[in-house]
Structure formats: structure tokens, C-alpha cells
Protein backbone atom coordinates (compact mmCIF):
# COMPACT_ATOMS: atom_id res chain seq x y z
CA MET A 1 59.47 -93.65 125.56
CA GLN A 2 57.56 -96.05 123.33
CA ARG A 3 58.81 -99.61 123.50
CA ARG A 4 59.88 -101.30 120.27
CA VAL A 5 59.82 -104.84 118.98
CA ILE A 6 63.55 -105.10 119.60
CA ASP A 7 62.89 -104.61 123.34
CA ALA A 8 60.66 -107.69 123.62
CA MET A 9 61.82 -110.10 120.91
CA THR A 10 63.97 -113.18 121.35
CA PRO A 11 67.18 -112.43 119.41
CA ASP A 12 69.07 -114.99 117.30
CA PRO A 13 66.23 -117.53 117.43
CA LEU A 14 66.53 -121.24 116.81
CA VAL A 15 65.91 -122.03 113.13
CA VAL A 16 65.47 -125.16 111.02
CA GLU A 17 66.66 -125.92 107.50
CA GLY A 18 63.91 -126.54 104.98
CA GLU A 19 65.44 -129.80 103.76
CA VAL A 20 65.14 -131.65 107.09
CA SER A 21 62.17 -133.84 108.02
CA VAL A 22 59.15 -132.73 110.00
CA ALA A 23 60.10 -135.36 112.59
CA GLU A 24 63.49 -133.70 113.12
CA ALA A 25 61.83 -130.29 113.41
CA ALA A 26 59.39 -131.69 115.99
CA ARG A 27 62.32 -133.08 117.98
CA LEU A 28 63.93 -129.63 118.01
CA MET A 29 60.68 -128.02 119.15
CA ASN A 30 60.31 -130.46 122.04
CA GLN A 31 63.98 -130.21 123.00
CA HIS A 32 63.95 -126.42 123.12
CA ARG A 33 60.29 -126.08 124.19
CA VAL A 34 59.23 -123.71 121.43
CA GLY A 35 55.97 -123.58 119.50
CA GLY A 36 57.40 -122.57 116.13
CA LEU A 37 60.60 -122.53 114.09
CA PRO A 38 61.63 -120.08 111.37
CA VAL A 39 62.64 -122.02 108.26
CA VAL A 40 65.78 -121.02 106.37
CA THR A 41 67.66 -122.08 103.29
CA GLY A 42 71.20 -120.99 103.92
CA GLU A 43 70.74 -117.53 105.45
CA ARG A 44 67.52 -116.79 103.59
CA LEU A 45 64.22 -116.89 105.50
CA VAL A 46 61.73 -118.99 103.53
CA GLY A 47 58.91 -119.78 105.97
CA LEU A 48 57.65 -120.69 109.42
CA LEU A 49 56.83 -124.12 110.85
CA THR A 50 54.45 -124.14 113.83
CA SER A 51 53.44 -126.97 116.15
CA ARG A 52 50.09 -127.00 114.38
CA ASP A 53 51.84 -127.56 111.04
CA VAL A 54 53.81 -130.42 112.59
CA ARG A 55 50.65 -132.13 113.83
CA ALA A 56 49.04 -131.85 110.39
CA ALA A 57 52.00 -133.27 108.44
CA HIS A 58 53.50 -136.74 108.03
CA PRO A 59 56.74 -137.03 110.04
CA ASN A 60 58.72 -137.99 106.93
CA ARG A 61 57.68 -134.92 104.92
CA LEU A 62 60.21 -132.18 104.37
CA VAL A 63 59.81 -129.01 106.37
CA LEU A 64 59.68 -127.08 103.08
CA ASP A 65 56.48 -128.92 102.18
CA ALA A 66 54.80 -128.50 105.57
CA MET A 67 55.76 -124.93 106.49
CA ARG A 68 53.85 -121.68 106.04
CA LYS A 69 55.48 -119.98 103.09
CA ASP A 70 54.45 -116.37 103.78
CA PRO A 71 54.92 -115.78 107.52
CA LEU A 72 54.21 -112.37 108.95
CA THR A 73 57.33 -110.30 109.53
CA ILE A 74 58.00 -107.02 111.29
CA PRO A 75 61.07 -104.79 111.60
CA PRO A 76 62.76 -104.54 115.01
CA GLU A 77 62.18 -100.78 115.10
CA ALA A 78 58.37 -101.13 114.88
CA SER A 79 56.34 -100.29 117.98
CA LEU A 80 54.91 -103.02 120.19
CA PHE A 81 51.45 -101.62 119.54
CA GLU A 82 51.90 -102.15 115.80
CA ALA A 83 53.07 -105.70 116.49
CA PHE A 84 50.02 -106.30 118.66
CA GLU A 85 47.67 -105.06 115.93
CA ARG A 86 49.31 -107.32 113.34
CA MET A 87 48.99 -110.34 115.59
CA GLN A 88 45.35 -109.59 116.36
CA GLU A 89 44.40 -109.03 112.72
CA ALA A 90 46.15 -112.17 111.49
CA GLU A 91 45.27 -114.27 114.56
CA VAL A 92 48.85 -115.50 114.95
CA GLU A 93 50.95 -116.19 118.05
CA ARG A 94 54.34 -114.99 116.76
CA LEU A 95 55.98 -112.56 114.34
CA LEU A 96 59.36 -113.04 112.68
CA VAL A 97 61.56 -109.99 113.15
CA VAL A 98 63.47 -109.13 109.97
CA ARG A 99 65.99 -106.38 109.20
CA ALA A 100 67.32 -105.91 105.65
CA GLY A 101 65.97 -109.30 104.67
CA LYS A 102 67.74 -111.13 107.51
CA LEU A 103 66.01 -112.83 110.44
CA VAL A 104 67.12 -111.18 113.68
CA GLY A 105 64.51 -112.36 116.18
CA VAL A 106 61.09 -113.78 117.02
CA LEU A 107 58.36 -111.94 118.92
CA THR A 108 55.80 -114.19 120.63
CA LYS A 109 52.40 -113.03 121.78
CA GLY A 110 53.21 -113.87 125.40
CA ALA A 111 56.37 -111.75 125.35
CA LEU A 112 54.48 -108.93 123.64
CA LEU A 113 51.62 -108.86 126.15
CA TYR A 114 54.03 -109.01 129.06
CA SER A 115 55.98 -106.06 127.69
CA LEU A 116 52.83 -104.04 127.06
CA GLY A 117 51.64 -104.61 130.60
CA ALA A 118 48.49 -106.30 129.33
CA SER A 119 49.17 -109.14 131.71
CA GLN A 120 47.87 -107.11 134.67
CA ASP A 121 44.18 -106.85 135.50
CA PRO A 122 43.33 -103.16 136.09
CA LEU A 123 40.46 -103.87 138.51
CA THR A 124 42.28 -106.08 141.02
CA GLY A 125 45.91 -105.31 140.25
CA LEU A 126 46.60 -109.04 139.92
CA SER A 127 48.33 -110.65 136.96
CA ARG A 128 46.12 -112.27 134.34
CA ALA A 129 45.87 -115.78 132.90
CA ASP A 130 48.69 -115.40 130.38
CA ARG A 131 51.12 -114.53 133.16
CA LEU A 132 49.81 -117.50 135.17
CA ARG A 133 50.62 -119.87 132.30
CA HIS A 134 54.07 -118.36 131.87
CA THR A 135 54.87 -118.71 135.58
CA LEU A 136 53.43 -122.22 135.81
CA GLU A 137 55.40 -123.38 132.75
CA SER A 138 58.58 -121.87 134.23
CA TYR A 139 58.06 -123.79 137.47
CA LEU A 140 57.50 -127.04 135.57
CA GLN A 141 60.52 -126.49 133.33
CA GLY A 142 62.62 -125.87 136.43
CA GLY A 143 61.63 -129.22 137.95
CA LEU A 144 59.51 -127.67 140.70
CA ASP A 145 56.35 -129.34 141.98
CA PRO A 146 53.80 -126.47 141.94
CA THR A 147 50.30 -126.57 143.40
CA LEU A 148 47.48 -124.62 141.80
CA VAL A 149 44.35 -123.49 143.67
CA PHE A 150 41.44 -122.37 141.49
CA ALA A 151 39.12 -120.06 143.46
CA ASP A 152 35.58 -119.43 142.22
CA LEU A 153 33.48 -116.77 143.98
CA ASP A 154 30.16 -118.34 144.98
CA SER A 155 26.86 -116.86 143.73
CA PHE A 156 28.57 -114.00 141.91
CA GLY A 157 25.82 -113.83 139.29
CA SER A 158 23.16 -113.37 141.97
CA LEU A 159 25.29 -110.81 143.80
CA ASN A 160 25.79 -108.87 140.58
CA LYS A 161 22.09 -108.93 139.79
CA ALA A 162 20.95 -107.96 143.29
CA HIS A 163 23.52 -105.26 144.07
CA GLY A 164 24.72 -104.02 140.68
CA HIS A 165 28.00 -103.93 138.79
CA VAL A 166 29.63 -101.27 140.94
CA ALA A 167 29.14 -103.29 144.12
CA ALA A 168 30.23 -106.47 142.35
CA ASP A 169 33.43 -104.73 141.24
CA ARG A 170 34.04 -103.69 144.86
CA ALA A 171 33.76 -107.33 145.86
CA LEU A 172 36.22 -108.45 143.18
CA ARG A 173 38.65 -105.68 144.10
CA ALA A 174 38.56 -106.54 147.80
CA LEU A 175 38.85 -110.25 147.08
CA GLY A 176 41.81 -109.61 144.77
CA ARG A 177 43.62 -107.71 147.53
CA LEU A 178 42.95 -110.48 150.04
CA LEU A 179 44.04 -113.29 147.72
CA GLY A 180 47.15 -111.42 146.62
CA GLY A 181 48.21 -110.82 150.21
CA PHE A 182 47.41 -114.38 151.26
CA ALA A 183 49.40 -115.88 148.39
CA ARG A 184 52.43 -113.67 149.04
CA ALA A 185 52.35 -114.47 152.75
CA HIS A 186 52.68 -118.15 151.90
CA GLY A 187 55.29 -117.86 149.16
CA GLY A 188 52.92 -117.90 146.18
CA GLU A 189 51.22 -115.57 143.73
CA ALA A 190 47.57 -114.80 142.96
CA PHE A 191 46.10 -114.21 139.51
CA ARG A 192 42.74 -113.08 138.18
CA TYR A 193 41.82 -115.80 135.71
CA ALA A 194 38.50 -114.55 134.32
CA GLY A 195 35.37 -112.87 135.68
CA ASP A 196 34.89 -114.10 139.25
CA GLU A 197 37.62 -116.75 138.97
CA PHE A 198 41.02 -116.44 140.60
CA VAL A 199 44.05 -118.71 140.83
CA LEU A 200 46.65 -119.04 143.58
CA LEU A 201 49.91 -120.67 142.52
CA PHE A 202 52.44 -122.02 144.99
CA PRO A 203 55.86 -123.50 144.05
CA ARG A 204 55.31 -126.14 146.74
CA PRO A 205 53.88 -129.68 146.93
CA ARG A 206 50.18 -130.16 147.50
CA GLY A 207 50.71 -131.53 150.99
CA GLU A 208 52.08 -128.15 152.10
CA VAL A 209 49.23 -126.18 150.52
CA LEU A 210 46.14 -128.15 151.60
CA PRO A 211 46.45 -127.08 155.28
CA LEU A 212 46.18 -123.44 154.13
CA LEU A 213 42.78 -123.80 152.47
CA GLU A 214 40.62 -123.64 155.59
CA GLU A 215 42.49 -120.53 156.71
CA LEU A 216 41.88 -118.97 153.29
CA ARG A 217 38.15 -119.72 153.39
CA ARG A 218 37.91 -118.24 156.90
CA GLU A 219 39.63 -115.03 155.82
CA VAL A 220 37.28 -114.68 152.86
CA GLY A 221 34.27 -115.37 155.09
CA VAL A 222 35.07 -112.45 157.41
CA LEU A 223 36.01 -110.07 154.59
CA LYS A 224 33.74 -107.02 154.79
CA VAL A 225 32.63 -105.33 151.58
CA GLU A 226 30.32 -102.35 152.06
CA GLY A 227 26.70 -103.11 151.25
CA LEU A 228 27.29 -106.78 150.45
CA PRO A 229 26.66 -110.06 152.29
CA PRO A 230 29.62 -112.27 153.33
CA LEU A 231 31.57 -113.79 150.45
CA ALA A 232 32.54 -117.44 149.98
CA LEU A 233 34.87 -119.33 147.65
CA SER A 234 34.76 -122.80 146.12
CA LEU A 235 38.29 -124.11 145.67
CA GLY A 236 39.77 -126.69 143.31
CA VAL A 237 43.30 -127.99 143.80
CA SER A 238 45.62 -129.55 141.21
CA GLY A 239 49.33 -130.27 140.90
CA GLY A 240 51.83 -130.76 143.68
CA ARG A 241 52.11 -134.52 143.16
CA ARG A 242 54.75 -134.85 140.45
CA GLY A 243 57.72 -135.03 142.76
CA PRO A 244 60.68 -132.62 142.66
CA GLY A 245 62.99 -132.75 139.65
CA ARG A 246 60.45 -134.30 137.29
CA VAL A 247 60.20 -132.16 134.14
CA PRO A 248 57.24 -132.87 131.81
CA GLU A 249 57.93 -133.47 128.12
CA ASN A 250 55.60 -130.60 127.19
CA PRO A 251 55.35 -128.05 130.04
CA ALA A 252 52.79 -125.93 128.15
CA ALA A 253 50.38 -128.86 127.78
CA THR A 254 50.90 -129.87 131.41
CA ALA A 255 50.20 -126.30 132.55
CA ASP A 256 46.92 -126.27 130.60
CA ASP A 257 45.97 -129.64 132.12
CA LEU A 258 46.62 -128.42 135.66
CA ILE A 259 44.53 -125.29 135.11
CA ASN A 260 41.64 -127.28 133.61
CA LEU A 261 41.75 -129.89 136.38
CA ALA A 262 41.69 -127.24 139.11
CA SER A 263 38.85 -125.37 137.38
CA GLN A 264 36.74 -128.53 137.14
CA ALA A 265 37.49 -129.35 140.77
CA SER A 266 36.33 -125.90 141.89
CA THR A 267 33.00 -126.51 140.14
CA ARG A 268 32.58 -129.81 142.00
CA ALA A 269 33.52 -128.06 145.24
CA LYS A 270 30.29 -126.04 145.14
CA GLY A 271 28.51 -129.13 146.42
CA SER A 272 31.21 -130.06 148.93
CA PRO A 273 30.73 -129.38 152.67
CA GLN A 274 34.39 -128.43 153.10
CA GLY A 275 34.30 -126.07 150.11
CA TRP A 276 37.29 -127.52 148.27
CA VAL A 277 38.03 -130.56 146.11
CA GLU A 278 41.32 -132.12 145.03
CA ALA A 279 41.85 -133.02 141.37
CA ALA A 280 43.77 -136.02 140.12
CA GLU A 281 47.33 -135.54 138.85
CA SER A 282 47.82 -134.46 135.24
CA SER A 283 48.58 -137.40 132.96
CA ARG A 284 51.19 -135.33 131.08
């Protein structure tokens, strides 16, 4: 059975009146951790205010003056594939769900992709980057102190060139299985980030994760992939230093920081004898 917008949308979404200030709308966004607010006058939908609109407007301006006046809408009975096409064509992150002229929900791109199953990488079977961000944000919002390990397969370009795409895919598939099993065995989850880059996420402090890294590198080093030389990873570590119970003001921005810090650390790790580098704590 084809899934519909109503299956993935957030019903009865938070809204803002058009006559309030942009500053008040920004406060609501931060308080409820949302990236956009439908704008209403009474019960009538009149626009959409996004975080980008907030950043571009003076805090004292009215929401009516800063909002987008013709937001994209979709009926709840529409298919998720239709919703996906509309988002892609318009390059937007959310659709307002309207029935008989009344706002009944909001469909975000993250919720849409998750419902479509597009969050899973077909080659490795691991979840993709959008699911990583969702999980990481959830940990941060819950006051957990997660540690992120960015794993970059060494010399993948040379391997691909010397042995071909089919062999390179075998390597990625085998590595995905190993990383997924390793993460689960230690209470975490593995994700395919992009290309030859993977991420392991643990809802534990950094001090509990660092002792696992040498074991991980050993397991990768003895992994046998037919027709290929031994594999190796360069690892970058971020997070795990916030302390339990500390919730960032903007979990989405903090999640992006942690991913970027770990990615940069994995690049530096390529010149490190131990094969892994720790990043500084996110400033957010």
C-alpha cells in the first residue's frame, strides 16, 4: 500500500500569529527546536516563516513582513513520492499540509525521507547521513553525551583505480558489515556518510569510546576482501565531552559541528602513527 503524506506529517503543528515580532517567533523556534513556523491570522494560513527568514529580518519586524507569503502546500492524501518531487523541484525543506483550506500538519524533508526508506544505503545496508543527524540531534536533545567516530577508508581512490568499481564496492560492503556489527556490539550504530566515509555513533562519553579504536583498526586490518590488499581506516573523534544532562541551545547546529569536527580530525589522522585523532569540543 502506498504511503501518504498523512502517514509521515506532524499533525497539529506549532503556528505563529502574523502580528507578533520576528524576535518572538525566533524564541518559539528555539524553544520547540523547529526550523519553520506556519503563519496564521485567526485560523487562516497566510504564510511560512523559516529560520532563514528570521536571520534575514530585524527582530522587531512583524512576522507578516518577514514571512514567505506563498508557501508550498500539499493535501494529506497525496503520496509521499509526490511530496518528494515537490520538495526537490522547489528546493524546500518542508511542506504545509492543508485540507479544505485548513492547516492540518507539516511534512519535513527528514520525516519524508525516513518514511520513504531513503535513509538506508542500498550497498552497505547502513543508514545514511540524514538518519545520522536525526539520531545525533535526538541524543543531544535528550541530554546524552554522544561520541562520534568518523571513519575514512585509506587510499580508496587508488584501490578503485587499480582494482575497479566492482571490487571497490565489495570492499565498501564488507567494511559496512564489519562497522555495523562492531558498533552494535558496543551499544552504538554505524552509518554510511558518503563515498568511502563512515560514521560510528555511540551514546557514551569519549573516555569510554577511545579504548575501542585500536580494536576497531585491528579488525579492519585483518578483514579479508577477495582480490584486494588489506584495508585501513583513519579515524576522527568528536563529542563525548559535554557532560550528561547538558542540552545545547541548538541541537541541529551542534550536530553539524560534531560531524564537521570529526571529519576534519579523520583527515589529520592520515598522517598520525596511531591512525586516529581527537577533535576539540564543539563550541555550541
